Amino acid sequence: MKTKDKVQLAKQLLPIMPDFAIKGAMMFKQPLGHILRGVFFENSAFDKSIYVWVFLIPLIVPTQHIYFNFGYRLPRPNNKPWQPDSINFLDDLKDTLSKSLPFLHNVKSLDDFILTIRPKNDHQHLHIQEAIAYTLALNGDTVEAIRALSNLIPLFDVESPWQVEMQERARTLKAKLEENPSEAIKLLESWEAETIKNLGLEKFAGA
């Protein structure tokens, strides 16, 4: 499914999602805020079918792309992808998506985000631990953020380059929280601006 077709599909979904904006294969809830709350249309690797994701992304955690650590695929029988050329495709998608929208609508604050992802934090999930710690810091819960970062930092595999990068970032934030929490907030805001730029969402920031 080409990007232009995904944009057209998104436009057909706007009646049930009037407070969403469209960017390529993604629809996201406005205002943007600190948490990107969106729907993403992902092509199948095998045919013209698509997977539809509902997701949350904390913009304060630097990233260069959309990911689905805090989201899920819209359910289909046997977990099969959606078939855009099927007769009832649009009606079925609207119906299923409508039932999933509360997942996005209910995340109205940083506290809501933490409450949503914290139950998923089994097996010491690094990305969830990181998101919780950063969100606590931005929310002004300095003591809890430092505690969360202290628990997170030893979990990284120093043989993995991407985990080393996460670890160094966590250490930097922890040090700033301990020295000057206001500087830590500025650091998080700079990371958020970086993420917004990487995702091409600058014109939606602050809207």
Protein backbone atom coordinates (compact mmCIF):
# COMPACT_ATOMS: atom_id res chain seq x y z
CA MET A 1 0.00 0.00 0.00
CA LYS A 2 1.59 3.28 -1.10
CA THR A 3 1.85 6.26 1.22
CA LYS A 4 -0.69 8.23 -0.82
CA ASP A 5 -3.17 5.37 -0.38
CA LYS A 6 -2.56 5.38 3.37
CA VAL A 7 -3.21 9.12 3.46
CA GLN A 8 -6.47 8.56 1.60
CA LEU A 9 -7.41 5.82 4.06
CA ALA A 10 -6.62 8.13 6.97
CA LYS A 11 -8.89 10.80 5.51
CA GLN A 12 -11.72 8.26 5.41
CA LEU A 13 -11.17 7.58 9.11
CA LEU A 14 -11.26 11.24 10.18
CA PRO A 15 -15.05 11.18 10.85
CA ILE A 16 -14.42 8.88 13.83
CA MET A 17 -11.13 10.64 14.68
CA PRO A 18 -11.80 14.37 14.19
CA ASP A 19 -9.05 15.50 16.56
CA PHE A 20 -6.34 13.59 14.67
CA ALA A 21 -3.82 14.92 12.15
CA ILE A 22 -2.36 12.95 9.26
CA LYS A 23 1.31 12.57 8.36
CA GLY A 24 2.10 9.92 5.78
CA ALA A 25 1.23 6.48 7.13
CA MET A 26 0.42 7.90 10.55
CA MET A 27 -2.54 9.56 12.23
CA PHE A 28 -1.96 11.19 15.61
CA LYS A 29 -4.04 12.87 18.23
CA GLN A 30 -3.81 16.62 18.74
CA PRO A 31 -2.61 18.59 20.56
CA LEU A 32 0.74 16.87 20.31
CA GLY A 33 1.86 17.34 23.93
CA HIS A 34 4.67 15.25 25.42
CA ILE A 35 3.18 11.92 24.31
CA LEU A 36 2.62 11.04 20.66
CA ARG A 37 -0.69 9.14 20.54
CA GLY A 38 -1.20 7.61 17.14
CA VAL A 39 -2.32 5.04 14.62
CA PHE A 40 0.12 3.68 12.05
CA PHE A 41 -0.50 1.72 8.85
CA GLU A 42 2.31 -0.78 8.27
CA ASN A 43 2.71 -2.73 5.04
CA SER A 44 2.88 -6.50 5.16
CA ALA A 45 6.17 -7.88 3.85
CA PHE A 46 4.36 -10.50 1.80
CA ASP A 47 1.43 -8.89 -0.04
CA LYS A 48 -0.74 -5.76 -0.28
CA SER A 49 -2.29 -6.23 3.15
CA ILE A 50 -1.49 -3.95 6.10
CA TYR A 51 -1.13 -4.09 9.86
CA VAL A 52 -2.74 -1.30 11.87
CA TRP A 53 -0.97 -0.22 15.06
CA VAL A 54 -2.28 1.89 17.94
CA PHE A 55 0.64 3.33 19.89
CA LEU A 56 2.06 5.80 22.40
CA ILE A 57 5.54 7.33 22.15
CA PRO A 58 7.07 9.56 24.86
CA LEU A 59 8.68 12.33 22.85
CA ILE A 60 11.21 13.06 25.62
CA VAL A 61 12.96 9.77 24.79
CA PRO A 62 15.13 10.43 21.72
CA THR A 63 14.22 8.42 18.63
CA GLN A 64 14.50 8.78 14.87
CA HIS A 65 11.54 6.63 13.92
CA ILE A 66 8.10 5.42 14.97
CA TYR A 67 8.11 2.32 17.17
CA PHE A 68 5.47 0.25 18.92
CA ASN A 69 6.89 -0.68 22.33
CA PHE A 70 3.90 1.05 23.93
CA GLY A 71 1.20 -0.11 21.58
CA TYR A 72 -0.47 -3.03 19.88
CA ARG A 73 -1.83 -4.20 16.55
CA LEU A 74 -5.55 -3.87 16.01
CA PRO A 75 -6.92 -7.36 16.51
CA ARG A 76 -7.83 -9.52 13.54
CA PRO A 77 -8.82 -13.22 13.41
CA ASN A 78 -5.68 -15.35 13.79
CA ASN A 79 -3.68 -12.11 13.99
CA LYS A 80 -3.86 -11.78 10.21
CA PRO A 81 -3.22 -8.41 8.52
CA TRP A 82 -6.00 -6.22 7.17
CA GLN A 83 -6.97 -6.64 3.53
CA PRO A 84 -7.71 -3.21 1.98
CA ASP A 85 -9.36 -4.80 -1.05
CA SER A 86 -11.88 -6.79 1.01
CA ILE A 87 -15.54 -5.78 0.74
CA ASN A 88 -16.09 -4.70 4.36
CA PHE A 89 -12.57 -3.45 4.99
CA LEU A 90 -13.36 0.18 5.83
CA ASP A 91 -16.44 -0.55 7.95
CA ASP A 92 -14.64 -3.30 9.87
CA LEU A 93 -11.61 -1.10 10.41
CA LYS A 94 -13.74 1.78 11.69
CA ASP A 95 -15.57 -0.50 14.08
CA THR A 96 -12.40 -2.10 15.47
CA LEU A 97 -10.52 1.17 15.65
CA SER A 98 -13.38 2.90 17.47
CA LYS A 99 -13.11 0.30 20.23
CA SER A 100 -9.37 0.97 20.57
CA LEU A 101 -9.43 4.77 20.59
CA PRO A 102 -9.96 5.02 24.39
CA PHE A 103 -6.41 3.67 24.71
CA LEU A 104 -5.25 6.94 23.13
CA HIS A 105 -7.92 9.31 24.44
CA ASN A 106 -7.36 8.26 28.07
CA VAL A 107 -3.71 9.33 28.08
CA LYS A 108 -4.22 13.01 28.86
CA SER A 109 -1.23 13.59 31.14
CA LEU A 110 2.20 12.26 32.02
CA ASP A 111 0.66 10.46 34.99
CA ASP A 112 -1.81 8.75 32.65
CA PHE A 113 1.06 7.58 30.46
CA ILE A 114 2.90 6.05 33.42
CA LEU A 115 -0.25 4.32 34.64
CA THR A 116 -0.81 2.91 31.13
CA ILE A 117 2.66 1.47 30.54
CA ARG A 118 3.71 0.50 34.09
CA PRO A 119 1.62 -2.72 34.19
CA LYS A 120 3.49 -3.90 31.07
CA ASN A 121 6.85 -3.64 32.86
CA ASP A 122 7.49 -7.33 33.33
CA HIS A 123 10.91 -8.91 32.92
CA GLN A 124 12.56 -5.51 33.49
CA HIS A 125 11.71 -4.15 30.05
CA LEU A 126 14.43 -1.57 29.34
CA HIS A 127 12.36 0.74 27.13
CA ILE A 128 9.46 0.81 29.60
CA GLN A 129 11.81 1.45 32.55
CA GLU A 130 13.47 4.25 30.58
CA ALA A 131 10.17 5.87 29.59
CA ILE A 132 8.87 5.74 33.17
CA ALA A 133 12.05 7.28 34.59
CA TYR A 134 12.14 10.10 32.04
CA THR A 135 8.45 10.83 32.47
CA LEU A 136 8.80 10.97 36.26
CA ALA A 137 11.65 13.45 35.81
CA LEU A 138 9.68 15.70 33.46
CA ASN A 139 6.70 15.50 35.82
CA GLY A 140 8.81 16.88 38.67
CA ASP A 141 8.97 13.63 40.65
CA THR A 142 12.71 14.00 41.11
CA VAL A 143 13.23 11.50 43.92
CA GLU A 144 11.25 8.80 42.16
CA ALA A 145 12.97 9.55 38.85
CA ILE A 146 16.43 9.19 40.43
CA ARG A 147 15.37 5.93 42.04
CA ALA A 148 14.02 4.64 38.72
CA LEU A 149 17.21 5.61 36.89
CA SER A 150 19.36 4.01 39.59
CA ASN A 151 17.46 0.76 39.11
CA LEU A 152 17.66 1.03 35.33
CA ILE A 153 21.34 1.82 34.77
CA PRO A 154 22.75 -1.56 35.95
CA LEU A 155 20.38 -3.50 33.67
CA PHE A 156 22.03 -2.54 30.39
CA ASP A 157 24.27 -4.92 28.46
CA VAL A 158 27.58 -3.12 28.00
CA GLU A 159 28.35 -5.37 25.01
CA SER A 160 25.39 -3.90 23.11
CA PRO A 161 26.09 -0.50 21.47
CA TRP A 162 22.45 0.65 21.54
CA GLN A 163 22.13 -0.29 25.21
CA VAL A 164 25.37 1.53 26.05
CA GLU A 165 23.89 4.63 24.40
CA MET A 166 20.73 4.30 26.51
CA GLN A 167 22.82 3.77 29.64
CA GLU A 168 24.93 6.87 29.05
CA ARG A 169 21.81 8.94 28.46
CA ALA A 170 20.28 7.65 31.68
CA ARG A 171 23.45 8.44 33.60
CA THR A 172 23.53 11.97 32.20
CA LEU A 173 19.92 12.61 33.20
CA LYS A 174 20.44 11.13 36.68
CA ALA A 175 23.48 13.35 37.28
CA LYS A 176 21.57 16.47 36.26
CA LEU A 177 18.61 15.53 38.46
CA GLU A 178 20.96 15.17 41.41
CA GLU A 179 22.80 18.42 40.70
CA ASN A 180 20.10 20.72 39.35
CA PRO A 181 16.61 19.40 38.48
CA SER A 182 15.82 22.46 36.36
CA GLU A 183 18.76 21.62 34.10
CA ALA A 184 17.44 18.09 33.83
CA ILE A 185 14.11 19.47 32.60
CA LYS A 186 15.94 21.53 29.97
CA LEU A 187 17.77 18.41 28.84
CA LEU A 188 14.51 16.49 28.50
CA GLU A 189 12.99 19.38 26.55
CA SER A 190 15.96 19.37 24.18
CA TRP A 191 15.53 15.62 23.64
CA GLU A 192 11.85 16.16 22.97
CA ALA A 193 12.61 18.85 20.38
CA GLU A 194 15.10 16.48 18.76
CA THR A 195 12.52 13.68 18.55
CA ILE A 196 9.86 16.00 17.13
CA LYS A 197 12.30 17.13 14.45
CA ASN A 198 13.35 13.56 13.64
CA LEU A 199 9.70 12.55 13.18
CA GLY A 200 8.95 15.62 11.05
CA LEU A 201 6.35 16.97 13.48
CA GLU A 202 7.74 20.46 14.04
CA LYS A 203 4.68 22.28 12.67
CA PHE A 204 2.44 20.43 15.11
CA ALA A 205 4.50 21.17 18.23
CA GLY A 206 2.81 23.60 20.58
CA ALA A 207 -0.38 23.51 18.53
